[in-house]
Amino acid sequence: MNKNLVITSLLGAITILLGAFGAHALKEILDESALKSFETAVRYQMYHVLVLLVVNTYPKFSAKSKNIISYLFFSGILFFSGSIYVITFGVNAKSIWFITPLGGLLFVLGWLKMAMVFFKKAPNK
């Protein structure tokens, strides 16, 4: 069993459910700014779910590289998107202000790790 692909698939399903929830149930509850923040969280989650599918099915990445990138993106989703979700539902943003940028940093680190792996795998000409 590829644990990363199982987690990625579940995150994909959750993303679709949250997107539908935001589009239908939250439209009447949230103001425009909060709804846009929620949509940003959903969008970034889906971007990284799609990248995780590519990373974990790309045969030239080692299992170690797949795991590092996956954990960085899983953590990024949790901290970035997760913090926006909880702020949307009433947690005071001032009490968790540092979590969203930490999630963004984890996304950047995942992308940089992926770039390093691609660079190392590039044929020497």
N, C-alpha and C. Protein backbone atom coordinates (compact mmCIF):
# COMPACT_ATOMS: atom_id res chain seq x y z
N MET A 1 0.85 -1.18 0.00
CA MET A 1 0.00 0.00 0.00
C MET A 1 0.89 1.24 0.00
N ASN A 2 0.57 2.18 -0.86
CA ASN A 2 1.29 3.44 -0.89
C ASN A 2 0.53 4.43 0.00
N LYS A 3 1.05 4.59 1.21
CA LYS A 3 0.40 5.43 2.22
C LYS A 3 0.21 6.86 1.72
N ASN A 4 1.22 7.40 1.00
CA ASN A 4 1.12 8.77 0.51
C ASN A 4 -0.04 8.93 -0.47
N LEU A 5 -0.24 7.95 -1.34
CA LEU A 5 -1.35 8.04 -2.30
C LEU A 5 -2.70 7.89 -1.62
N VAL A 6 -2.77 7.08 -0.58
CA VAL A 6 -4.02 6.95 0.17
C VAL A 6 -4.37 8.27 0.84
N ILE A 7 -3.39 8.87 1.51
CA ILE A 7 -3.62 10.16 2.17
C ILE A 7 -3.99 11.22 1.14
N THR A 8 -3.27 11.24 0.02
CA THR A 8 -3.54 12.21 -1.04
C THR A 8 -4.96 12.06 -1.58
N SER A 9 -5.38 10.83 -1.80
CA SER A 9 -6.74 10.58 -2.30
C SER A 9 -7.79 11.06 -1.31
N LEU A 10 -7.56 10.80 -0.03
CA LEU A 10 -8.50 11.26 0.99
C LEU A 10 -8.53 12.78 1.06
N LEU A 11 -7.35 13.41 0.95
CA LEU A 11 -7.31 14.88 0.92
C LEU A 11 -8.04 15.44 -0.30
N GLY A 12 -7.95 14.73 -1.43
CA GLY A 12 -8.68 15.16 -2.62
C GLY A 12 -10.18 15.12 -2.39
N ALA A 13 -10.66 14.04 -1.79
CA ALA A 13 -12.09 13.93 -1.49
C ALA A 13 -12.54 15.02 -0.51
N ILE A 14 -11.72 15.26 0.51
CA ILE A 14 -12.04 16.30 1.48
C ILE A 14 -12.07 17.67 0.81
N THR A 15 -11.15 17.88 -0.12
CA THR A 15 -11.10 19.16 -0.84
C THR A 15 -12.40 19.41 -1.60
N ILE A 16 -12.88 18.39 -2.28
CA ILE A 16 -14.13 18.52 -3.04
C ILE A 16 -15.30 18.81 -2.09
N LEU A 17 -15.34 18.09 -0.98
CA LEU A 17 -16.42 18.32 0.00
C LEU A 17 -16.35 19.73 0.57
N LEU A 18 -15.16 20.20 0.92
CA LEU A 18 -15.02 21.56 1.46
C LEU A 18 -15.38 22.61 0.41
N GLY A 19 -14.98 22.37 -0.83
CA GLY A 19 -15.33 23.31 -1.89
C GLY A 19 -16.82 23.42 -2.09
N ALA A 20 -17.50 22.28 -2.09
CA ALA A 20 -18.96 22.28 -2.22
C ALA A 20 -19.62 22.93 -1.01
N PHE A 21 -19.11 22.63 0.16
CA PHE A 21 -19.62 23.24 1.39
C PHE A 21 -19.48 24.75 1.34
N GLY A 22 -18.32 25.22 0.89
CA GLY A 22 -18.09 26.66 0.79
C GLY A 22 -18.99 27.31 -0.23
N ALA A 23 -19.17 26.64 -1.37
CA ALA A 23 -19.97 27.22 -2.45
C ALA A 23 -21.46 27.27 -2.12
N HIS A 24 -21.91 26.33 -1.30
CA HIS A 24 -23.35 26.25 -1.06
C HIS A 24 -23.74 26.69 0.36
N ALA A 25 -23.16 26.08 1.36
CA ALA A 25 -23.59 26.35 2.74
C ALA A 25 -23.02 27.64 3.31
N LEU A 26 -21.80 27.98 2.92
CA LEU A 26 -21.16 29.14 3.54
C LEU A 26 -21.49 30.46 2.84
N LYS A 27 -22.04 30.39 1.65
CA LYS A 27 -22.35 31.60 0.88
C LYS A 27 -23.26 32.55 1.65
N GLU A 28 -24.19 32.00 2.38
CA GLU A 28 -25.16 32.81 3.11
C GLU A 28 -24.65 33.19 4.51
N ILE A 29 -23.61 32.52 4.98
CA ILE A 29 -23.15 32.73 6.35
C ILE A 29 -21.96 33.70 6.43
N LEU A 30 -21.02 33.57 5.49
CA LEU A 30 -19.79 34.35 5.56
C LEU A 30 -19.87 35.62 4.73
N ASP A 31 -19.11 36.61 5.16
CA ASP A 31 -19.01 37.81 4.32
C ASP A 31 -18.07 37.50 3.15
N GLU A 32 -18.01 38.42 2.20
CA GLU A 32 -17.24 38.18 0.98
C GLU A 32 -15.77 37.92 1.25
N SER A 33 -15.18 38.63 2.18
CA SER A 33 -13.76 38.48 2.50
C SER A 33 -13.47 37.09 3.09
N ALA A 34 -14.29 36.67 4.03
CA ALA A 34 -14.11 35.36 4.66
C ALA A 34 -14.32 34.24 3.65
N LEU A 35 -15.30 34.41 2.77
CA LEU A 35 -15.55 33.40 1.74
C LEU A 35 -14.37 33.29 0.78
N LYS A 36 -13.77 34.42 0.42
CA LYS A 36 -12.59 34.41 -0.45
C LYS A 36 -11.42 33.71 0.23
N SER A 37 -11.24 33.95 1.51
CA SER A 37 -10.18 33.27 2.26
C SER A 37 -10.42 31.76 2.27
N PHE A 38 -11.65 31.36 2.50
CA PHE A 38 -12.00 29.93 2.50
C PHE A 38 -11.71 29.33 1.13
N GLU A 39 -12.09 30.03 0.08
CA GLU A 39 -11.85 29.54 -1.29
C GLU A 39 -10.35 29.44 -1.58
N THR A 40 -9.56 30.37 -1.05
CA THR A 40 -8.10 30.30 -1.22
C THR A 40 -7.55 29.04 -0.56
N ALA A 41 -8.03 28.74 0.64
CA ALA A 41 -7.58 27.54 1.34
C ALA A 41 -7.92 26.28 0.53
N VAL A 42 -9.13 26.22 0.00
CA VAL A 42 -9.54 25.07 -0.80
C VAL A 42 -8.69 24.96 -2.07
N ARG A 43 -8.46 26.08 -2.73
CA ARG A 43 -7.69 26.09 -3.97
C ARG A 43 -6.25 25.62 -3.74
N TYR A 44 -5.60 26.14 -2.71
CA TYR A 44 -4.23 25.72 -2.42
C TYR A 44 -4.18 24.25 -2.02
N GLN A 45 -5.18 23.79 -1.31
CA GLN A 45 -5.23 22.38 -0.96
C GLN A 45 -5.31 21.53 -2.22
N MET A 46 -6.18 21.90 -3.15
CA MET A 46 -6.32 21.11 -4.37
C MET A 46 -5.06 21.15 -5.22
N TYR A 47 -4.42 22.32 -5.34
CA TYR A 47 -3.17 22.40 -6.10
C TYR A 47 -2.17 21.38 -5.57
N HIS A 48 -2.06 21.31 -4.26
CA HIS A 48 -1.05 20.44 -3.68
C HIS A 48 -1.47 18.97 -3.69
N VAL A 49 -2.75 18.70 -3.67
CA VAL A 49 -3.22 17.32 -3.87
C VAL A 49 -2.83 16.84 -5.26
N LEU A 50 -3.03 17.68 -6.26
CA LEU A 50 -2.67 17.29 -7.63
C LEU A 50 -1.17 17.07 -7.78
N VAL A 51 -0.38 17.94 -7.18
CA VAL A 51 1.07 17.77 -7.24
C VAL A 51 1.48 16.49 -6.50
N LEU A 52 0.84 16.20 -5.38
CA LEU A 52 1.14 14.98 -4.64
C LEU A 52 0.86 13.74 -5.47
N LEU A 53 -0.19 13.78 -6.27
CA LEU A 53 -0.47 12.64 -7.16
C LEU A 53 0.67 12.44 -8.15
N VAL A 54 1.16 13.53 -8.70
CA VAL A 54 2.27 13.45 -9.66
C VAL A 54 3.53 12.95 -8.97
N VAL A 55 3.86 13.56 -7.86
CA VAL A 55 5.08 13.19 -7.13
C VAL A 55 5.08 11.71 -6.78
N ASN A 56 3.97 11.23 -6.27
CA ASN A 56 3.93 9.85 -5.77
C ASN A 56 3.72 8.80 -6.86
N THR A 57 3.50 9.22 -8.08
CA THR A 57 3.42 8.27 -9.18
C THR A 57 4.58 8.42 -10.15
N TYR A 58 5.44 9.41 -9.91
CA TYR A 58 6.58 9.65 -10.79
C TYR A 58 7.65 8.62 -10.49
N PRO A 59 7.97 7.75 -11.44
CA PRO A 59 8.85 6.62 -11.15
C PRO A 59 10.32 6.99 -10.90
N LYS A 60 10.74 8.17 -11.29
CA LYS A 60 12.15 8.52 -11.13
C LYS A 60 12.47 9.13 -9.76
N PHE A 61 11.45 9.35 -8.94
CA PHE A 61 11.69 9.83 -7.59
C PHE A 61 11.90 8.63 -6.67
N SER A 62 12.87 8.73 -5.79
CA SER A 62 13.08 7.67 -4.80
C SER A 62 11.95 7.71 -3.77
N ALA A 63 11.79 6.61 -3.07
CA ALA A 63 10.77 6.57 -2.01
C ALA A 63 11.06 7.64 -0.96
N LYS A 64 12.34 7.86 -0.65
CA LYS A 64 12.71 8.87 0.34
C LYS A 64 12.30 10.26 -0.14
N SER A 65 12.57 10.59 -1.40
CA SER A 65 12.19 11.90 -1.94
C SER A 65 10.68 12.07 -1.94
N LYS A 66 9.97 11.03 -2.35
CA LYS A 66 8.50 11.09 -2.34
C LYS A 66 7.98 11.36 -0.95
N ASN A 67 8.57 10.69 0.05
CA ASN A 67 8.11 10.87 1.43
C ASN A 67 8.40 12.27 1.93
N ILE A 68 9.59 12.79 1.67
CA ILE A 68 9.94 14.14 2.14
C ILE A 68 9.01 15.18 1.53
N ILE A 69 8.85 15.11 0.20
CA ILE A 69 7.97 16.07 -0.48
C ILE A 69 6.54 15.93 0.03
N SER A 70 6.08 14.70 0.16
CA SER A 70 4.71 14.46 0.63
C SER A 70 4.50 15.02 2.02
N TYR A 71 5.42 14.76 2.93
CA TYR A 71 5.25 15.25 4.30
C TYR A 71 5.28 16.77 4.35
N LEU A 72 6.12 17.39 3.52
CA LEU A 72 6.14 18.85 3.47
C LEU A 72 4.80 19.38 2.97
N PHE A 73 4.26 18.77 1.91
CA PHE A 73 2.98 19.23 1.37
C PHE A 73 1.81 18.88 2.29
N PHE A 74 1.83 17.69 2.90
CA PHE A 74 0.77 17.35 3.85
C PHE A 74 0.75 18.36 5.00
N SER A 75 1.93 18.67 5.52
CA SER A 75 2.03 19.63 6.62
C SER A 75 1.62 21.03 6.16
N GLY A 76 2.01 21.39 4.94
CA GLY A 76 1.61 22.68 4.38
C GLY A 76 0.11 22.80 4.27
N ILE A 77 -0.54 21.75 3.80
CA ILE A 77 -2.01 21.75 3.72
C ILE A 77 -2.62 21.90 5.11
N LEU A 78 -2.10 21.14 6.05
CA LEU A 78 -2.63 21.20 7.42
C LEU A 78 -2.49 22.61 7.99
N PHE A 79 -1.29 23.18 7.89
CA PHE A 79 -1.04 24.48 8.50
C PHE A 79 -1.63 25.63 7.70
N PHE A 80 -1.43 25.64 6.39
CA PHE A 80 -1.92 26.76 5.58
C PHE A 80 -3.44 26.70 5.45
N SER A 81 -3.92 25.67 4.77
CA SER A 81 -5.37 25.58 4.54
C SER A 81 -6.11 25.36 5.86
N GLY A 82 -5.58 24.49 6.69
CA GLY A 82 -6.25 24.19 7.97
C GLY A 82 -6.43 25.42 8.84
N SER A 83 -5.40 26.26 8.90
CA SER A 83 -5.53 27.46 9.74
C SER A 83 -6.57 28.42 9.16
N ILE A 84 -6.65 28.51 7.85
CA ILE A 84 -7.67 29.38 7.24
C ILE A 84 -9.06 28.82 7.51
N TYR A 85 -9.21 27.49 7.44
CA TYR A 85 -10.51 26.90 7.75
C TYR A 85 -10.94 27.22 9.18
N VAL A 86 -10.04 27.05 10.13
CA VAL A 86 -10.45 27.29 11.52
C VAL A 86 -10.68 28.77 11.80
N ILE A 87 -9.94 29.63 11.13
CA ILE A 87 -10.20 31.08 11.27
C ILE A 87 -11.57 31.42 10.70
N THR A 88 -11.92 30.80 9.57
CA THR A 88 -13.22 31.01 8.96
C THR A 88 -14.35 30.62 9.91
N PHE A 89 -14.11 29.59 10.71
CA PHE A 89 -15.15 29.11 11.61
C PHE A 89 -15.08 29.70 13.00
N GLY A 90 -14.32 30.80 13.16
CA GLY A 90 -14.43 31.55 14.39
C GLY A 90 -13.22 31.60 15.30
N VAL A 91 -12.16 30.86 15.02
CA VAL A 91 -10.97 30.97 15.86
C VAL A 91 -10.34 32.33 15.58
N ASN A 92 -9.92 33.01 16.62
CA ASN A 92 -9.32 34.32 16.49
C ASN A 92 -8.00 34.23 15.72
N ALA A 93 -7.91 34.93 14.61
CA ALA A 93 -6.71 34.89 13.76
C ALA A 93 -5.48 35.35 14.52
N LYS A 94 -5.64 36.26 15.46
CA LYS A 94 -4.50 36.77 16.22
C LYS A 94 -3.86 35.69 17.08
N SER A 95 -4.64 34.69 17.46
CA SER A 95 -4.10 33.63 18.32
C SER A 95 -3.32 32.57 17.53
N ILE A 96 -3.53 32.50 16.22
CA ILE A 96 -2.81 31.51 15.41
C ILE A 96 -2.17 32.14 14.17
N TRP A 97 -1.83 33.42 14.26
CA TRP A 97 -1.33 34.18 13.11
C TRP A 97 -0.12 33.53 12.45
N PHE A 98 0.71 32.85 13.19
CA PHE A 98 1.96 32.30 12.66
C PHE A 98 1.77 30.98 11.90
N ILE A 99 0.64 30.35 12.03
CA ILE A 99 0.44 29.02 11.44
C ILE A 99 0.27 29.10 9.93
N THR A 100 -0.48 30.08 9.44
CA THR A 100 -0.71 30.18 8.00
C THR A 100 0.60 30.41 7.24
N PRO A 101 1.44 31.37 7.64
CA PRO A 101 2.71 31.54 6.91
C PRO A 101 3.65 30.33 7.07
N LEU A 102 3.56 29.65 8.19
CA LEU A 102 4.37 28.43 8.36
C LEU A 102 3.94 27.39 7.32
N GLY A 103 2.65 27.27 7.09
CA GLY A 103 2.15 26.37 6.06
C GLY A 103 2.64 26.78 4.68
N GLY A 104 2.63 28.08 4.41
CA GLY A 104 3.16 28.57 3.14
C GLY A 104 4.64 28.24 2.98
N LEU A 105 5.40 28.38 4.06
CA LEU A 105 6.82 28.04 4.03
C LEU A 105 7.01 26.55 3.75
N LEU A 106 6.19 25.71 4.35
CA LEU A 106 6.28 24.27 4.09
C LEU A 106 5.97 23.96 2.62
N PHE A 107 5.01 24.66 2.03
CA PHE A 107 4.75 24.50 0.59
C PHE A 107 6.00 24.86 -0.22
N VAL A 108 6.59 26.00 0.09
CA VAL A 108 7.79 26.44 -0.64
C VAL A 108 8.91 25.42 -0.49
N LEU A 109 9.11 24.91 0.72
CA LEU A 109 10.16 23.91 0.93
C LEU A 109 9.88 22.63 0.14
N GLY A 110 8.62 22.24 0.05
CA GLY A 110 8.26 21.07 -0.76
C GLY A 110 8.59 21.29 -2.23
N TRP A 111 8.26 22.47 -2.74
CA TRP A 111 8.56 22.79 -4.14
C TRP A 111 10.07 22.84 -4.37
N LEU A 112 10.81 23.40 -3.42
CA LEU A 112 12.27 23.46 -3.58
C LEU A 112 12.90 22.07 -3.52
N LYS A 113 12.39 21.22 -2.64
CA LYS A 113 12.89 19.84 -2.58
C LYS A 113 12.60 19.14 -3.91
N MET A 114 11.43 19.36 -4.45
CA MET A 114 11.09 18.75 -5.73
C MET A 114 12.03 19.26 -6.82
N ALA A 115 12.33 20.55 -6.82
CA ALA A 115 13.25 21.11 -7.80
C ALA A 115 14.64 20.50 -7.66
N MET A 116 15.08 20.29 -6.43
CA MET A 116 16.39 19.67 -6.20
C MET A 116 16.43 18.25 -6.75
N VAL A 117 15.36 17.51 -6.55
CA VAL A 117 15.31 16.14 -7.05
C VAL A 117 15.33 16.13 -8.57
N PHE A 118 14.55 17.01 -9.19
CA PHE A 118 14.56 17.09 -10.65
C PHE A 118 15.94 17.50 -11.16
N PHE A 119 16.57 18.44 -10.47
CA PHE A 119 17.90 18.90 -10.88
C PHE A 119 18.92 17.76 -10.82
N LYS A 120 18.87 16.99 -9.74
CA LYS A 120 19.79 15.86 -9.58
C LYS A 120 19.53 14.75 -10.62
N LYS A 121 18.29 14.62 -11.05
CA LYS A 121 17.92 13.59 -12.03
C LYS A 121 18.14 14.03 -13.46
N ALA A 122 18.44 15.32 -13.67
CA ALA A 122 18.61 15.84 -15.03
C ALA A 122 19.83 15.20 -15.68
N PRO A 123 19.72 14.83 -16.95
CA PRO A 123 20.88 14.24 -17.62
C PRO A 123 21.99 15.29 -17.82
N ASN A 124 23.21 14.85 -17.64
CA ASN A 124 24.36 15.74 -17.84
C ASN A 124 24.64 15.82 -19.33
N LYS A 125 24.74 17.03 -19.83
CA LYS A 125 25.02 17.21 -21.26
C LYS A 125 26.32 17.92 -21.45
